[in-house]
Amino acid sequence: MTTSTEQIVTVHAGADVALRLALLDAIDQTLRDHGVRRVWIDPDSYHDLVVLAEIEVS
């Protein structure tokens, strides 16, 4: 199987820090519950937090 890097969601930097952390934790857990092994914040995203994931493609 091969993998594909996909943009999953963007969390706006203007949101409250506690809200951003809760959203990111929930997104990470949900993706992992569905078999995604690698989830990260795009280091090239400057103002907003862009969540990327490596998805298996058959």
PDB file of N, CA and C in Angstrom:
ATOM      1  N   MET A   1       0.830  -1.187   0.000  1.00  0.00           N
ATOM      2  CA  MET A   1       0.000   0.000   0.000  1.00  0.00           C
ATOM      3  C   MET A   1       0.873   1.249   0.000  1.00  0.00           C
ATOM      4  N   THR A   2       0.357   2.295  -0.590  1.00  0.00           N
ATOM      5  CA  THR A   2       1.055   3.570  -0.596  1.00  0.00           C
ATOM      6  C   THR A   2       0.314   4.537   0.326  1.00  0.00           C
ATOM      7  N   THR A   3       0.965   5.641   0.605  1.00  0.00           N
ATOM      8  CA  THR A   3       0.337   6.659   1.445  1.00  0.00           C
ATOM      9  C   THR A   3       0.241   7.974   0.694  1.00  0.00           C
ATOM     10  N   SER A   4      -0.696   8.776   1.126  1.00  0.00           N
ATOM     11  CA  SER A   4      -0.905  10.091   0.550  1.00  0.00           C
ATOM     12  C   SER A   4      -1.015  11.097   1.692  1.00  0.00           C
ATOM     13  N   THR A   5      -0.360  12.239   1.552  1.00  0.00           N
ATOM     14  CA  THR A   5      -0.480  13.285   2.566  1.00  0.00           C
ATOM     15  C   THR A   5      -1.666  14.167   2.207  1.00  0.00           C
ATOM     16  N   GLU A   6      -2.597  14.302   3.137  1.00  0.00           N
ATOM     17  CA  GLU A   6      -3.829  15.050   2.908  1.00  0.00           C
ATOM     18  C   GLU A   6      -3.995  16.153   3.942  1.00  0.00           C
ATOM     19  N   GLN A   7      -4.501  17.296   3.496  1.00  0.00           N
ATOM     20  CA  GLN A   7      -4.872  18.365   4.430  1.00  0.00           C
ATOM     21  C   GLN A   7      -6.226  17.979   5.007  1.00  0.00           C
ATOM     22  N   ILE A   8      -6.298  17.895   6.319  1.00  0.00           N
ATOM     23  CA  ILE A   8      -7.504  17.423   6.979  1.00  0.00           C
ATOM     24  C   ILE A   8      -8.402  18.569   7.431  1.00  0.00           C
ATOM     25  N   VAL A   9      -7.818  19.546   8.102  1.00  0.00           N
ATOM     26  CA  VAL A   9      -8.610  20.652   8.650  1.00  0.00           C
ATOM     27  C   VAL A   9      -7.672  21.815   8.953  1.00  0.00           C
ATOM     28  N   THR A  10      -8.231  23.011   8.995  1.00  0.00           N
ATOM     29  CA  THR A  10      -7.496  24.197   9.413  1.00  0.00           C
ATOM     30  C   THR A  10      -8.148  24.744  10.671  1.00  0.00           C
ATOM     31  N   VAL A  11      -7.346  24.921  11.708  1.00  0.00           N
ATOM     32  CA  VAL A  11      -7.830  25.508  12.960  1.00  0.00           C
ATOM     33  C   VAL A  11      -7.315  26.938  12.992  1.00  0.00           C
ATOM     34  N   HIS A  12      -8.227  27.884  13.055  1.00  0.00           N
ATOM     35  CA  HIS A  12      -7.850  29.295  12.990  1.00  0.00           C
ATOM     36  C   HIS A  12      -7.138  29.746  14.265  1.00  0.00           C
ATOM     37  N   ALA A  13      -6.050  30.453  14.075  1.00  0.00           N
ATOM     38  CA  ALA A  13      -5.204  30.895  15.182  1.00  0.00           C
ATOM     39  C   ALA A  13      -5.917  31.874  16.111  1.00  0.00           C
ATOM     40  N   GLY A  14      -6.968  32.512  15.645  1.00  0.00           N
ATOM     41  CA  GLY A  14      -7.699  33.467  16.478  1.00  0.00           C
ATOM     42  C   GLY A  14      -8.537  32.821  17.560  1.00  0.00           C
ATOM     43  N   ALA A  15      -8.720  31.506  17.479  1.00  0.00           N
ATOM     44  CA  ALA A  15      -9.517  30.813  18.493  1.00  0.00           C
ATOM     45  C   ALA A  15      -8.745  30.766  19.814  1.00  0.00           C
ATOM     46  N   ASP A  16      -9.471  30.668  20.889  1.00  0.00           N
ATOM     47  CA  ASP A  16      -8.897  30.555  22.222  1.00  0.00           C
ATOM     48  C   ASP A  16      -7.927  29.364  22.274  1.00  0.00           C
ATOM     49  N   VAL A  17      -6.818  29.522  22.993  1.00  0.00           N
ATOM     50  CA  VAL A  17      -5.787  28.480  23.058  1.00  0.00           C
ATOM     51  C   VAL A  17      -6.366  27.162  23.581  1.00  0.00           C
ATOM     52  N   ALA A  18      -7.160  27.216  24.619  1.00  0.00           N
ATOM     53  CA  ALA A  18      -7.741  25.992  25.177  1.00  0.00           C
ATOM     54  C   ALA A  18      -8.644  25.305  24.152  1.00  0.00           C
ATOM     55  N   LEU A  19      -9.388  26.087  23.382  1.00  0.00           N
ATOM     56  CA  LEU A  19     -10.252  25.533  22.345  1.00  0.00           C
ATOM     57  C   LEU A  19      -9.418  24.893  21.238  1.00  0.00           C
ATOM     58  N   ARG A  20      -8.355  25.572  20.810  1.00  0.00           N
ATOM     59  CA  ARG A  20      -7.476  25.015  19.770  1.00  0.00           C
ATOM     60  C   ARG A  20      -6.882  23.680  20.216  1.00  0.00           C
ATOM     61  N   LEU A  21      -6.393  23.628  21.449  1.00  0.00           N
ATOM     62  CA  LEU A  21      -5.811  22.387  21.960  1.00  0.00           C
ATOM     63  C   LEU A  21      -6.839  21.262  22.020  1.00  0.00           C
ATOM     64  N   ALA A  22      -8.043  21.576  22.474  1.00  0.00           N
ATOM     65  CA  ALA A  22      -9.103  20.569  22.553  1.00  0.00           C
ATOM     66  C   ALA A  22      -9.475  20.064  21.155  1.00  0.00           C
ATOM     67  N   LEU A  23      -9.582  20.977  20.188  1.00  0.00           N
ATOM     68  CA  LEU A  23      -9.893  20.580  18.817  1.00  0.00           C
ATOM     69  C   LEU A  23      -8.798  19.704  18.226  1.00  0.00           C
ATOM     70  N   LEU A  24      -7.555  20.129  18.400  1.00  0.00           N
ATOM     71  CA  LEU A  24      -6.436  19.366  17.848  1.00  0.00           C
ATOM     72  C   LEU A  24      -6.333  17.981  18.477  1.00  0.00           C
ATOM     73  N   ASP A  25      -6.549  17.890  19.784  1.00  0.00           N
ATOM     74  CA  ASP A  25      -6.533  16.583  20.458  1.00  0.00           C
ATOM     75  C   ASP A  25      -7.649  15.682  19.927  1.00  0.00           C
ATOM     76  N   ALA A  26      -8.840  16.242  19.759  1.00  0.00           N
ATOM     77  CA  ALA A  26      -9.977  15.453  19.276  1.00  0.00           C
ATOM     78  C   ALA A  26      -9.760  15.001  17.832  1.00  0.00           C
ATOM     79  N   ILE A  27      -9.230  15.877  16.994  1.00  0.00           N
ATOM     80  CA  ILE A  27      -8.947  15.526  15.602  1.00  0.00           C
ATOM     81  C   ILE A  27      -7.904  14.426  15.548  1.00  0.00           C
ATOM     82  N   ASP A  28      -6.828  14.577  16.313  1.00  0.00           N
ATOM     83  CA  ASP A  28      -5.766  13.576  16.351  1.00  0.00           C
ATOM     84  C   ASP A  28      -6.318  12.226  16.784  1.00  0.00           C
ATOM     85  N   GLN A  29      -7.080  12.200  17.848  1.00  0.00           N
ATOM     86  CA  GLN A  29      -7.620  10.940  18.365  1.00  0.00           C
ATOM     87  C   GLN A  29      -8.569  10.293  17.367  1.00  0.00           C
ATOM     88  N   THR A  30      -9.421  11.076  16.745  1.00  0.00           N
ATOM     89  CA  THR A  30     -10.368  10.550  15.761  1.00  0.00           C
ATOM     90  C   THR A  30      -9.644   9.934  14.576  1.00  0.00           C
ATOM     91  N   LEU A  31      -8.625  10.623  14.076  1.00  0.00           N
ATOM     92  CA  LEU A  31      -7.860  10.086  12.953  1.00  0.00           C
ATOM     93  C   LEU A  31      -7.161   8.791  13.338  1.00  0.00           C
ATOM     94  N   ARG A  32      -6.582   8.745  14.523  1.00  0.00           N
ATOM     95  CA  ARG A  32      -5.888   7.536  14.975  1.00  0.00           C
ATOM     96  C   ARG A  32      -6.877   6.382  15.185  1.00  0.00           C
ATOM     97  N   ASP A  33      -8.078   6.704  15.673  1.00  0.00           N
ATOM     98  CA  ASP A  33      -9.119   5.682  15.838  1.00  0.00           C
ATOM     99  C   ASP A  33      -9.507   5.067  14.493  1.00  0.00           C
ATOM    100  N   HIS A  34      -9.289   5.810  13.415  1.00  0.00           N
ATOM    101  CA  HIS A  34      -9.626   5.337  12.076  1.00  0.00           C
ATOM    102  C   HIS A  34      -8.398   4.837  11.306  1.00  0.00           C
ATOM    103  N   GLY A  35      -7.334   4.541  12.028  1.00  0.00           N
ATOM    104  CA  GLY A  35      -6.186   3.885  11.430  1.00  0.00           C
ATOM    105  C   GLY A  35      -5.096   4.784  10.876  1.00  0.00           C
ATOM    106  N   VAL A  36      -5.239   6.079  11.030  1.00  0.00           N
ATOM    107  CA  VAL A  36      -4.194   6.988  10.551  1.00  0.00           C
ATOM    108  C   VAL A  36      -3.034   6.939  11.543  1.00  0.00           C
ATOM    109  N   ARG A  37      -1.838   6.713  11.035  1.00  0.00           N
ATOM    110  CA  ARG A  37      -0.681   6.583  11.917  1.00  0.00           C
ATOM    111  C   ARG A  37       0.094   7.880  12.094  1.00  0.00           C
ATOM    112  N   ARG A  38       0.027   8.771  11.130  1.00  0.00           N
ATOM    113  CA  ARG A  38       0.839   9.992  11.208  1.00  0.00           C
ATOM    114  C   ARG A  38      -0.049  11.217  11.012  1.00  0.00           C
ATOM    115  N   VAL A  39      -0.044  12.096  12.009  1.00  0.00           N
ATOM    116  CA  VAL A  39      -0.807  13.347  11.987  1.00  0.00           C
ATOM    117  C   VAL A  39       0.131  14.441  12.476  1.00  0.00           C
ATOM    118  N   TRP A  40       0.135  15.602  11.798  1.00  0.00           N
ATOM    119  CA  TRP A  40       1.002  16.688  12.225  1.00  0.00           C
ATOM    120  C   TRP A  40       0.471  18.031  11.750  1.00  0.00           C
ATOM    121  N   ILE A  41       1.025  19.088  12.331  1.00  0.00           N
ATOM    122  CA  ILE A  41       0.709  20.462  11.926  1.00  0.00           C
ATOM    123  C   ILE A  41       1.687  20.852  10.836  1.00  0.00           C
ATOM    124  N   ASP A  42       1.176  21.380   9.747  1.00  0.00           N
ATOM    125  CA  ASP A  42       2.021  21.809   8.633  1.00  0.00           C
ATOM    126  C   ASP A  42       2.965  22.909   9.115  1.00  0.00           C
ATOM    127  N   PRO A  43       4.273  22.684   9.078  1.00  0.00           N
ATOM    128  CA  PRO A  43       5.219  23.703   9.547  1.00  0.00           C
ATOM    129  C   PRO A  43       5.242  24.952   8.670  1.00  0.00           C
ATOM    130  N   ASP A  44       4.679  24.871   7.469  1.00  0.00           N
ATOM    131  CA  ASP A  44       4.628  26.032   6.580  1.00  0.00           C
ATOM    132  C   ASP A  44       3.382  26.883   6.796  1.00  0.00           C
ATOM    133  N   SER A  45       2.470  26.441   7.669  1.00  0.00           N
ATOM    134  CA  SER A  45       1.282  27.249   7.956  1.00  0.00           C
ATOM    135  C   SER A  45       1.661  28.292   9.008  1.00  0.00           C
ATOM    136  N   TYR A  46       1.431  29.544   8.683  1.00  0.00           N
ATOM    137  CA  TYR A  46       1.927  30.628   9.534  1.00  0.00           C
ATOM    138  C   TYR A  46       0.900  31.120  10.543  1.00  0.00           C
ATOM    139  N   HIS A  47      -0.268  31.514  10.091  1.00  0.00           N
ATOM    140  CA  HIS A  47      -1.239  32.111  11.003  1.00  0.00           C
ATOM    141  C   HIS A  47      -2.226  31.083  11.547  1.00  0.00           C
ATOM    142  N   ASP A  48      -2.661  30.186  10.713  1.00  0.00           N
ATOM    143  CA  ASP A  48      -3.602  29.157  11.129  1.00  0.00           C
ATOM    144  C   ASP A  48      -2.857  27.833  11.258  1.00  0.00           C
ATOM    145  N   LEU A  49      -3.453  26.903  11.976  1.00  0.00           N
ATOM    146  CA  LEU A  49      -2.852  25.586  12.162  1.00  0.00           C
ATOM    147  C   LEU A  49      -3.483  24.615  11.171  1.00  0.00           C
ATOM    148  N   VAL A  50      -2.706  24.201  10.183  1.00  0.00           N
ATOM    149  CA  VAL A  50      -3.193  23.274   9.164  1.00  0.00           C
ATOM    150  C   VAL A  50      -2.788  21.861   9.568  1.00  0.00           C
ATOM    151  N   VAL A  51      -3.778  21.011   9.780  1.00  0.00           N
ATOM    152  CA  VAL A  51      -3.534  19.644  10.195  1.00  0.00           C
ATOM    153  C   VAL A  51      -3.419  18.761   8.954  1.00  0.00           C
ATOM    154  N   LEU A  52      -2.308  18.030   8.880  1.00  0.00           N
ATOM    155  CA  LEU A  52      -2.066  17.096   7.785  1.00  0.00           C
ATOM    156  C   LEU A  52      -2.066  15.678   8.344  1.00  0.00           C
ATOM    157  N   ALA A  53      -2.387  14.731   7.473  1.00  0.00           N
ATOM    158  CA  ALA A  53      -2.351  13.327   7.877  1.00  0.00           C
ATOM    159  C   ALA A  53      -1.879  12.487   6.703  1.00  0.00           C
ATOM    160  N   GLU A  54      -1.190  11.421   7.035  1.00  0.00           N
ATOM    161  CA  GLU A  54      -0.744  10.466   6.034  1.00  0.00           C
ATOM    162  C   GLU A  54      -1.790   9.350   5.985  1.00  0.00           C
ATOM    163  N   ILE A  55      -2.468   9.262   4.844  1.00  0.00           N
ATOM    164  CA  ILE A  55      -3.570   8.327   4.675  1.00  0.00           C
ATOM    165  C   ILE A  55      -3.120   7.190   3.752  1.00  0.00           C
ATOM    166  N   GLU A  56      -3.455   5.950   4.128  1.00  0.00           N
ATOM    167  CA  GLU A  56      -3.141   4.813   3.262  1.00  0.00           C
ATOM    168  C   GLU A  56      -4.090   4.793   2.079  1.00  0.00           C
ATOM    169  N   VAL A  57      -3.513   4.585   0.889  1.00  0.00           N
ATOM    170  CA  VAL A  57      -4.289   4.508  -0.340  1.00  0.00           C
ATOM    171  C   VAL A  57      -4.079   3.126  -0.934  1.00  0.00           C
ATOM    172  N   SER A  58      -5.169   2.436  -1.239  1.00  0.00           N
ATOM    173  CA  SER A  58      -5.019   1.092  -1.812  1.00  0.00           C
ATOM    174  C   SER A  58      -4.938   1.125  -3.313  1.00  0.00           C
TER     175      SER A  58
END
